[in-house]
């Protein structure tokens, strides 16, 4: 009697099927959502790289000279100035192309032996 009641009991099956369907939909949605998050993060990091690449790192400072008190034309100390002009780099502001090579078809293969190809 208990065995027949167990065999005819289907309440657990419906709940299991619903859970499998809901879990499948959630996993598919999670994969799509994580893909979109990855694209958004890559785009934001690209923006940060563009901002860093557009910083002008040029500098200039003038020299300083201190003459002796008696004015004999001699210097006590001299600091020379310096300058640097920042040139535009290759990959500043998305100027470089990071792409894969196109596919190349294979040619005929040599089999070896007497027959050649």
N, C-alpha and C. Protein backbone atom coordinates (compact mmCIF):
# COMPACT_ATOMS: atom_id res chain seq x y z
N UNK A 1 0.82 -1.18 0.00
CA UNK A 1 0.00 0.00 0.00
C UNK A 1 0.87 1.26 0.00
N UNK A 2 1.90 1.29 0.80
CA UNK A 2 2.79 2.45 0.84
C UNK A 2 3.57 2.55 -0.47
N UNK A 3 3.92 1.40 -1.04
CA UNK A 3 4.66 1.40 -2.30
C UNK A 3 3.81 1.92 -3.44
N UNK A 4 2.56 1.54 -3.51
CA UNK A 4 1.68 2.05 -4.57
C UNK A 4 1.41 3.54 -4.38
N UNK A 5 1.29 3.96 -3.15
CA UNK A 5 1.08 5.40 -2.90
C UNK A 5 2.31 6.19 -3.32
N UNK A 6 3.52 5.65 -3.10
CA UNK A 6 4.76 6.30 -3.51
C UNK A 6 4.88 6.36 -5.03
N UNK A 7 4.50 5.32 -5.71
CA UNK A 7 4.56 5.28 -7.16
C UNK A 7 3.59 6.26 -7.81
N UNK A 8 2.45 6.50 -7.22
CA UNK A 8 1.45 7.40 -7.79
C UNK A 8 1.63 8.85 -7.33
N UNK A 9 2.55 9.10 -6.46
CA UNK A 9 2.78 10.47 -5.97
C UNK A 9 3.64 11.22 -6.98
N UNK A 10 3.13 12.28 -7.57
CA UNK A 10 3.85 13.05 -8.59
C UNK A 10 4.08 14.51 -8.19
N UNK A 11 3.84 14.85 -6.98
CA UNK A 11 3.99 16.25 -6.57
C UNK A 11 5.44 16.71 -6.64
N UNK A 12 6.38 15.86 -6.30
CA UNK A 12 7.79 16.23 -6.35
C UNK A 12 8.29 16.41 -7.77
N UNK A 13 7.74 15.69 -8.73
CA UNK A 13 8.17 15.78 -10.12
C UNK A 13 7.86 17.15 -10.70
N UNK A 14 6.72 17.68 -10.42
CA UNK A 14 6.33 18.99 -10.97
C UNK A 14 7.25 20.08 -10.41
N UNK A 15 7.53 20.02 -9.14
CA UNK A 15 8.40 21.00 -8.53
C UNK A 15 9.81 20.89 -9.11
N UNK A 16 10.30 19.68 -9.33
CA UNK A 16 11.63 19.49 -9.89
C UNK A 16 11.72 20.01 -11.31
N UNK A 17 10.70 19.74 -12.12
CA UNK A 17 10.71 20.24 -13.49
C UNK A 17 10.69 21.76 -13.52
N UNK A 18 9.91 22.37 -12.67
CA UNK A 18 9.87 23.84 -12.60
C UNK A 18 11.23 24.40 -12.17
N UNK A 19 11.85 23.75 -11.22
CA UNK A 19 13.15 24.23 -10.75
C UNK A 19 14.22 24.10 -11.83
N UNK A 20 14.19 23.03 -12.60
CA UNK A 20 15.15 22.86 -13.69
C UNK A 20 14.93 23.94 -14.74
N UNK A 21 13.68 24.23 -15.08
CA UNK A 21 13.38 25.27 -16.06
C UNK A 21 13.82 26.64 -15.56
N UNK A 22 13.52 26.96 -14.33
CA UNK A 22 13.90 28.26 -13.76
C UNK A 22 15.42 28.38 -13.66
N UNK A 23 16.09 27.31 -13.25
CA UNK A 23 17.55 27.34 -13.15
C UNK A 23 18.18 27.52 -14.53
N UNK A 24 17.63 26.87 -15.55
CA UNK A 24 18.17 27.02 -16.91
C UNK A 24 18.02 28.45 -17.40
N UNK A 25 16.86 29.04 -17.19
CA UNK A 25 16.64 30.43 -17.61
C UNK A 25 17.57 31.37 -16.85
N UNK A 26 17.76 31.13 -15.56
CA UNK A 26 18.65 31.98 -14.78
C UNK A 26 20.10 31.86 -15.24
N UNK A 27 20.56 30.66 -15.56
CA UNK A 27 21.94 30.47 -16.01
C UNK A 27 22.16 31.15 -17.36
N UNK A 28 21.20 31.00 -18.27
CA UNK A 28 21.33 31.66 -19.58
C UNK A 28 21.34 33.17 -19.40
N UNK A 29 20.47 33.70 -18.56
CA UNK A 29 20.47 35.14 -18.30
C UNK A 29 21.74 35.61 -17.62
N UNK A 30 22.30 34.79 -16.75
CA UNK A 30 23.55 35.14 -16.08
C UNK A 30 24.71 35.21 -17.06
N UNK A 31 24.74 34.28 -18.01
CA UNK A 31 25.81 34.28 -19.01
C UNK A 31 25.73 35.54 -19.87
N UNK A 32 24.53 35.88 -20.32
CA UNK A 32 24.35 37.10 -21.13
C UNK A 32 24.69 38.34 -20.32
N UNK A 33 24.26 38.37 -19.07
CA UNK A 33 24.54 39.53 -18.21
C UNK A 33 26.03 39.70 -17.95
N UNK A 34 26.73 38.61 -17.68
CA UNK A 34 28.16 38.70 -17.44
C UNK A 34 28.92 39.11 -18.70
N UNK A 35 28.43 38.70 -19.85
CA UNK A 35 29.05 39.13 -21.11
C UNK A 35 28.90 40.64 -21.28
N UNK A 36 27.73 41.17 -20.96
CA UNK A 36 27.53 42.62 -21.07
C UNK A 36 28.37 43.37 -20.05
N UNK A 37 28.51 42.83 -18.85
CA UNK A 37 29.37 43.46 -17.84
C UNK A 37 30.82 43.48 -18.33
N UNK A 38 31.27 42.39 -18.96
CA UNK A 38 32.63 42.33 -19.48
C UNK A 38 32.85 43.39 -20.56
N UNK A 39 31.88 43.56 -21.45
CA UNK A 39 32.02 44.58 -22.50
C UNK A 39 32.06 45.98 -21.89
N UNK A 40 31.23 46.22 -20.88
CA UNK A 40 31.21 47.54 -20.24
C UNK A 40 32.52 47.83 -19.52
N UNK A 41 33.08 46.82 -18.85
CA UNK A 41 34.34 47.02 -18.12
C UNK A 41 35.48 47.29 -19.11
N UNK A 42 35.51 46.55 -20.23
CA UNK A 42 36.55 46.77 -21.23
C UNK A 42 36.44 48.17 -21.81
N UNK A 43 35.23 48.63 -22.06
CA UNK A 43 35.06 49.98 -22.62
C UNK A 43 35.49 51.05 -21.61
N UNK A 44 35.17 50.86 -20.35
CA UNK A 44 35.59 51.84 -19.34
C UNK A 44 37.11 51.85 -19.18
N UNK A 45 37.74 50.68 -19.21
CA UNK A 45 39.20 50.63 -19.12
C UNK A 45 39.84 51.26 -20.35
N UNK A 46 39.20 51.12 -21.50
CA UNK A 46 39.68 51.78 -22.71
C UNK A 46 39.60 53.30 -22.54
N UNK A 47 38.52 53.79 -21.93
CA UNK A 47 38.40 55.22 -21.68
C UNK A 47 39.49 55.71 -20.72
N UNK A 48 39.79 54.92 -19.70
CA UNK A 48 40.85 55.30 -18.76
C UNK A 48 42.20 55.33 -19.47
N UNK A 49 42.44 54.35 -20.34
CA UNK A 49 43.68 54.35 -21.11
C UNK A 49 43.78 55.55 -22.04
N UNK A 50 42.66 55.94 -22.66
CA UNK A 50 42.66 57.12 -23.51
C UNK A 50 42.93 58.39 -22.70
N UNK A 51 42.37 58.45 -21.49
CA UNK A 51 42.61 59.62 -20.65
C UNK A 51 44.07 59.71 -20.23
N UNK A 52 44.67 58.58 -19.89
CA UNK A 52 46.08 58.59 -19.51
C UNK A 52 46.95 58.92 -20.71
N UNK A 53 46.58 58.40 -21.90
CA UNK A 53 47.36 58.67 -23.10
C UNK A 53 47.28 60.11 -23.56
N UNK A 54 46.22 60.80 -23.19
CA UNK A 54 46.08 62.19 -23.63
C UNK A 54 46.71 63.20 -22.67
N UNK A 55 47.28 62.73 -21.57
CA UNK A 55 47.96 63.63 -20.64
C UNK A 55 49.23 64.14 -21.32
N UNK A 56 49.40 65.44 -21.32
CA UNK A 56 50.59 66.04 -21.90
C UNK A 56 51.69 66.03 -20.85
N UNK A 57 52.75 65.32 -21.14
CA UNK A 57 53.84 65.17 -20.17
C UNK A 57 55.01 66.09 -20.47
N UNK A 58 54.79 67.09 -21.27
CA UNK A 58 55.85 68.05 -21.57
C UNK A 58 56.17 68.87 -20.33
N UNK A 59 57.43 69.28 -20.20
CA UNK A 59 57.80 70.14 -19.09
C UNK A 59 58.91 71.08 -19.53
N UNK A 60 59.05 72.15 -18.77
CA UNK A 60 60.09 73.13 -19.03
C UNK A 60 60.40 73.85 -17.73
N UNK A 61 61.67 73.95 -17.42
CA UNK A 61 62.06 74.84 -16.32
C UNK A 61 63.32 75.58 -16.72
N UNK A 62 63.38 76.82 -16.30
CA UNK A 62 64.49 77.69 -16.68
C UNK A 62 65.65 77.49 -15.73
N UNK A 63 66.79 77.93 -16.19
CA UNK A 63 67.99 77.81 -15.37
C UNK A 63 68.09 78.96 -14.36
N UNK A 64 69.05 78.82 -13.51
CA UNK A 64 69.30 79.83 -12.47
C UNK A 64 70.81 80.01 -12.37
N UNK A 65 71.25 81.26 -12.28
CA UNK A 65 72.68 81.55 -12.14
C UNK A 65 72.86 82.58 -11.03
N UNK A 66 73.81 82.32 -10.15
CA UNK A 66 74.13 83.27 -9.09
C UNK A 66 75.57 83.77 -9.27
N UNK A 67 75.72 85.07 -9.41
CA UNK A 67 77.05 85.65 -9.60
C UNK A 67 77.66 85.99 -8.25
N UNK A 68 78.97 86.10 -8.27
CA UNK A 68 79.68 86.49 -7.06
C UNK A 68 79.38 87.96 -6.75
N UNK A 69 79.57 88.34 -5.51
CA UNK A 69 79.16 89.66 -5.05
C UNK A 69 79.95 90.79 -5.69
N UNK A 70 81.17 90.59 -6.01
CA UNK A 70 81.99 91.68 -6.50
C UNK A 70 81.82 91.91 -8.00
N UNK A 71 81.01 91.12 -8.68
CA UNK A 71 80.71 91.36 -10.09
C UNK A 71 81.87 91.12 -11.02
N UNK A 72 82.68 90.15 -10.76
CA UNK A 72 83.83 89.86 -11.61
C UNK A 72 83.45 88.99 -12.81
N UNK A 73 82.18 88.75 -13.02
CA UNK A 73 81.75 87.94 -14.14
C UNK A 73 81.81 86.45 -13.88
N UNK A 74 82.17 86.11 -12.66
CA UNK A 74 82.24 84.68 -12.34
C UNK A 74 80.97 84.28 -11.61
N UNK A 75 80.63 83.03 -11.72
CA UNK A 75 79.38 82.52 -11.12
C UNK A 75 79.67 81.75 -9.83
N UNK A 76 78.78 81.92 -8.87
CA UNK A 76 78.82 81.09 -7.66
C UNK A 76 78.20 79.73 -7.95
N UNK A 77 77.04 79.80 -8.58
CA UNK A 77 76.33 78.55 -8.86
C UNK A 77 75.51 78.70 -10.14
N UNK A 78 75.37 77.61 -10.84
CA UNK A 78 74.58 77.62 -12.07
C UNK A 78 73.73 76.35 -12.08
N UNK A 79 72.47 76.53 -12.38
CA UNK A 79 71.57 75.39 -12.63
C UNK A 79 71.00 75.59 -14.02
N UNK A 80 71.25 74.65 -14.89
CA UNK A 80 70.78 74.78 -16.26
C UNK A 80 69.33 74.33 -16.36
N UNK A 81 68.62 74.94 -17.26
CA UNK A 81 67.23 74.56 -17.48
C UNK A 81 67.11 73.30 -18.33
N UNK A 82 65.90 72.82 -18.45
CA UNK A 82 65.66 71.62 -19.24
C UNK A 82 64.26 71.71 -19.83
N UNK A 83 64.08 70.97 -20.91
CA UNK A 83 62.77 70.92 -21.55
C UNK A 83 62.56 69.56 -22.18
N UNK A 84 61.30 69.15 -22.22
CA UNK A 84 60.93 67.89 -22.88
C UNK A 84 59.58 68.09 -23.54
N UNK A 85 59.50 67.75 -24.81
CA UNK A 85 58.23 67.84 -25.53
C UNK A 85 57.65 66.45 -25.73
N UNK A 86 56.44 66.25 -25.24
CA UNK A 86 55.79 64.94 -25.34
C UNK A 86 55.31 64.72 -26.76
N UNK A 87 55.79 63.68 -27.40
CA UNK A 87 55.37 63.33 -28.75
C UNK A 87 54.14 62.42 -28.68
N UNK A 88 53.38 62.39 -29.76
CA UNK A 88 52.19 61.55 -29.83
C UNK A 88 52.62 60.10 -30.01
N UNK A 89 52.19 59.23 -29.12
CA UNK A 89 52.55 57.82 -29.18
C UNK A 89 51.65 57.07 -30.16
N UNK A 90 52.09 55.88 -30.52
CA UNK A 90 51.36 55.10 -31.52
C UNK A 90 49.94 54.77 -31.08
N UNK A 91 49.76 54.34 -29.85
CA UNK A 91 48.43 53.87 -29.42
C UNK A 91 47.67 54.89 -28.59
N UNK A 92 48.03 56.14 -28.63
CA UNK A 92 47.26 57.16 -27.92
C UNK A 92 45.91 57.34 -28.59
N UNK A 93 44.88 57.35 -27.78
CA UNK A 93 43.50 57.62 -28.24
C UNK A 93 43.07 56.68 -29.36
N UNK A 94 43.25 55.41 -29.16
CA UNK A 94 42.77 54.36 -30.07
C UNK A 94 43.34 54.48 -31.47
N UNK A 95 44.59 54.79 -31.62
CA UNK A 95 45.18 54.93 -32.94
C UNK A 95 45.79 53.62 -33.45
N UNK A 96 45.93 52.64 -32.61
CA UNK A 96 46.51 51.38 -33.08
C UNK A 96 45.41 50.35 -33.27
N UNK A 97 45.60 49.50 -34.25
CA UNK A 97 44.62 48.48 -34.55
C UNK A 97 45.10 47.15 -33.99
N UNK A 98 44.36 46.61 -33.06
CA UNK A 98 44.68 45.31 -32.49
C UNK A 98 43.71 44.31 -33.09
N UNK A 99 44.05 43.77 -34.23
CA UNK A 99 43.17 42.83 -34.91
C UNK A 99 43.93 41.55 -35.21
N UNK A 100 43.18 40.52 -35.45
CA UNK A 100 43.79 39.24 -35.81
C UNK A 100 44.06 39.21 -37.30
N UNK A 101 44.95 38.35 -37.68
CA UNK A 101 45.25 38.17 -39.10
C UNK A 101 44.09 37.43 -39.75
N UNK A 102 43.82 37.71 -41.03
CA UNK A 102 42.75 36.97 -41.71
C UNK A 102 43.16 35.51 -41.91
N UNK A 103 42.19 34.61 -42.03
CA UNK A 103 42.54 33.21 -42.23
C UNK A 103 43.21 32.99 -43.58
N UNK A 104 44.17 32.09 -43.59
CA UNK A 104 44.92 31.78 -44.81
C UNK A 104 44.60 30.33 -45.19
N UNK A 105 44.18 30.09 -46.43
CA UNK A 105 43.88 28.71 -46.81
C UNK A 105 45.16 27.87 -46.89
N UNK A 106 45.01 26.61 -46.61
CA UNK A 106 46.15 25.71 -46.67
C UNK A 106 46.39 25.28 -48.11
N UNK A 107 47.63 25.08 -48.44
CA UNK A 107 47.98 24.59 -49.76
C UNK A 107 47.98 23.08 -49.79
N UNK A 108 48.32 22.50 -50.94
CA UNK A 108 48.38 21.03 -51.02
C UNK A 108 49.50 20.49 -50.14
N UNK A 109 49.28 19.36 -49.58
CA UNK A 109 50.26 18.75 -48.67
C UNK A 109 51.04 17.67 -49.39
N UNK A 110 52.31 17.61 -49.10
CA UNK A 110 53.19 16.60 -49.69
C UNK A 110 53.04 15.31 -48.92
N UNK A 111 52.74 14.24 -49.62
CA UNK A 111 52.53 12.95 -48.96
C UNK A 111 53.83 12.18 -48.81
N UNK A 112 54.83 12.53 -49.56
CA UNK A 112 56.09 11.79 -49.49
C UNK A 112 56.03 10.54 -50.36
N UNK A 113 57.08 9.82 -50.37
CA UNK A 113 57.11 8.59 -51.15
C UNK A 113 57.39 8.87 -52.62
N UNK A 114 56.98 7.94 -53.51
CA UNK A 114 57.28 8.06 -54.93
C UNK A 114 56.29 8.96 -55.66
N UNK A 115 55.08 9.08 -55.19
CA UNK A 115 54.05 9.75 -55.97
C UNK A 115 54.07 11.26 -55.89
N UNK A 116 54.84 11.84 -55.04
CA UNK A 116 54.83 13.31 -54.89
C UNK A 116 53.64 13.75 -54.06
N UNK A 117 52.74 14.47 -54.68
CA UNK A 117 51.57 15.00 -53.95
C UNK A 117 50.46 14.00 -53.88
